[in-house]
């Protein structure tokens, strides 16, 4: 089951939803305004992204929305503190959409080329 984490007002989230819908792929949408990721979900997403980008610290950097108004609050923290700050402020700091295919694979942002390779 594909999960999309984001907010309904985010243009990239709408694009991701449309992409899956056009291919008749059912998704579970999780609105971050109503329910943020649990610690287990968050860690699972970070680990899945770390598999493709190299390290957990790189995965955290991928997940941070550098265009966010709140970016200054996380930009200069140590890597160990960034994960906690991002987890605590998902709605304001998380780059959207976060798409997860099971526990092993996840993407951040629009990644249609990757989604095409997911065995659905």
Protein backbone atom coordinates (compact mmCIF):
# COMPACT_ATOMS: atom_id res chain seq x y z
CA UNK A 1 0.00 0.00 0.00
CA UNK A 2 1.30 3.42 -1.00
CA UNK A 3 1.10 6.16 1.62
CA UNK A 4 1.36 9.85 0.81
CA UNK A 5 2.20 12.16 3.71
CA UNK A 6 1.54 15.85 3.18
CA UNK A 7 -1.08 18.58 3.28
CA UNK A 8 -3.98 19.13 0.92
CA UNK A 9 -2.85 22.68 0.08
CA UNK A 10 0.58 21.58 -1.15
CA UNK A 11 0.81 21.62 -4.96
CA UNK A 12 3.34 18.76 -5.12
CA UNK A 13 1.11 16.60 -2.90
CA UNK A 14 -1.81 17.20 -5.28
CA UNK A 15 0.44 16.31 -8.22
CA UNK A 16 1.51 13.05 -6.55
CA UNK A 17 -2.10 12.14 -5.75
CA UNK A 18 -3.10 12.81 -9.36
CA UNK A 19 -0.14 10.76 -10.68
CA UNK A 20 -1.18 7.67 -8.69
CA UNK A 21 -4.89 8.25 -9.41
CA UNK A 22 -4.30 8.43 -13.18
CA UNK A 23 -2.68 4.99 -12.97
CA UNK A 24 -5.51 3.63 -10.84
CA UNK A 25 -3.14 2.98 -7.94
CA UNK A 26 -4.87 3.24 -4.59
CA UNK A 27 -3.09 5.29 -1.97
CA UNK A 28 -3.61 6.14 1.66
CA UNK A 29 -3.32 9.89 2.14
CA UNK A 30 -2.15 11.07 5.56
CA UNK A 31 -2.86 14.77 6.11
CA UNK A 32 -0.07 16.09 8.31
CA UNK A 33 -2.42 18.80 9.60
CA UNK A 34 -4.56 16.08 11.17
CA UNK A 35 -2.02 13.40 12.07
CA UNK A 36 1.77 13.55 11.89
CA UNK A 37 3.96 10.49 11.43
CA UNK A 38 4.55 8.39 14.50
CA UNK A 39 8.16 7.98 15.59
CA UNK A 40 8.21 4.48 14.05
CA UNK A 41 6.83 5.74 10.71
CA UNK A 42 9.27 8.64 10.70
CA UNK A 43 12.26 6.39 11.41
CA UNK A 44 11.08 3.92 8.76
CA UNK A 45 10.88 6.70 6.15
CA UNK A 46 14.32 8.05 7.11
CA UNK A 47 15.84 4.55 6.88
CA UNK A 48 14.21 3.91 3.50
CA UNK A 49 15.52 7.19 2.08
CA UNK A 50 18.95 6.55 3.61
CA UNK A 51 19.17 3.33 1.55
CA UNK A 52 19.12 5.39 -1.65
CA UNK A 53 21.09 8.46 -0.61
CA UNK A 54 23.80 6.89 1.51
CA UNK A 55 23.38 7.82 5.16
CA UNK A 56 20.80 8.73 7.76
CA UNK A 57 22.18 12.29 7.94
CA UNK A 58 21.80 12.66 4.16
CA UNK A 59 18.24 11.32 4.40
CA UNK A 60 17.36 13.92 7.04
CA UNK A 61 18.78 16.65 4.78
CA UNK A 62 16.62 15.33 1.91
CA UNK A 63 13.52 15.52 4.09
CA UNK A 64 14.03 19.12 5.23
CA UNK A 65 12.13 21.74 3.26
CA UNK A 66 14.83 24.35 2.71
CA UNK A 67 12.22 26.83 1.40
CA UNK A 68 10.27 26.69 4.67
CA UNK A 69 9.97 29.82 6.79
CA UNK A 70 11.10 27.64 9.70
CA UNK A 71 14.29 26.45 7.95
CA UNK A 72 16.52 28.78 10.00
CA UNK A 73 15.45 26.91 13.16
CA UNK A 74 17.07 23.69 11.89
CA UNK A 75 19.77 24.82 9.44
CA UNK A 76 22.63 25.11 11.93
CA UNK A 77 21.85 22.25 14.28
CA UNK A 78 24.07 19.17 14.65
CA UNK A 79 22.96 16.18 12.60
CA UNK A 80 21.85 14.40 15.77
CA UNK A 81 19.55 17.30 16.68
CA UNK A 82 18.12 17.78 13.17
CA UNK A 83 16.25 14.47 13.20
CA UNK A 84 14.49 15.30 16.47
CA UNK A 85 13.68 18.85 15.38
CA UNK A 86 12.29 17.59 12.06
CA UNK A 87 10.21 14.92 13.82
CA UNK A 88 8.79 17.48 16.25
CA UNK A 89 7.96 20.01 13.50
CA UNK A 90 6.87 17.81 10.57
CA UNK A 91 4.13 20.14 9.41
CA UNK A 92 6.45 23.15 9.11
CA UNK A 93 9.79 21.55 8.15
CA UNK A 94 9.06 18.39 6.15
CA UNK A 95 9.45 18.56 2.39
CA UNK A 96 6.29 17.24 0.76
CA UNK A 97 5.10 14.84 -0.45
CA UNK A 98 6.67 11.92 1.37
CA UNK A 99 5.56 8.75 -0.44
CA UNK A 100 6.12 5.37 1.13
CA UNK A 101 5.75 1.96 -0.50
CA UNK A 102 5.78 -0.47 2.41
CA UNK A 103 8.60 -0.12 4.91
CA UNK A 104 11.51 -0.60 2.53
CA UNK A 105 11.09 2.23 0.01
CA UNK A 106 10.18 5.89 0.30
CA UNK A 107 10.65 9.10 -1.63
CA UNK A 108 10.50 12.78 -0.80
CA UNK A 109 9.24 15.33 -3.32
CA UNK A 110 8.00 14.43 -6.78
CA UNK A 111 9.77 11.24 -7.89
CA UNK A 112 7.64 9.85 -10.73
CA UNK A 113 10.59 7.93 -12.24
CA UNK A 114 11.06 6.07 -8.95
CA UNK A 115 7.33 5.47 -8.52
CA UNK A 116 7.18 3.86 -11.98
CA UNK A 117 9.61 1.19 -10.76
CA UNK A 118 7.61 0.32 -7.65
CA UNK A 119 6.01 -3.08 -8.12
CA UNK A 120 2.39 -2.27 -7.45
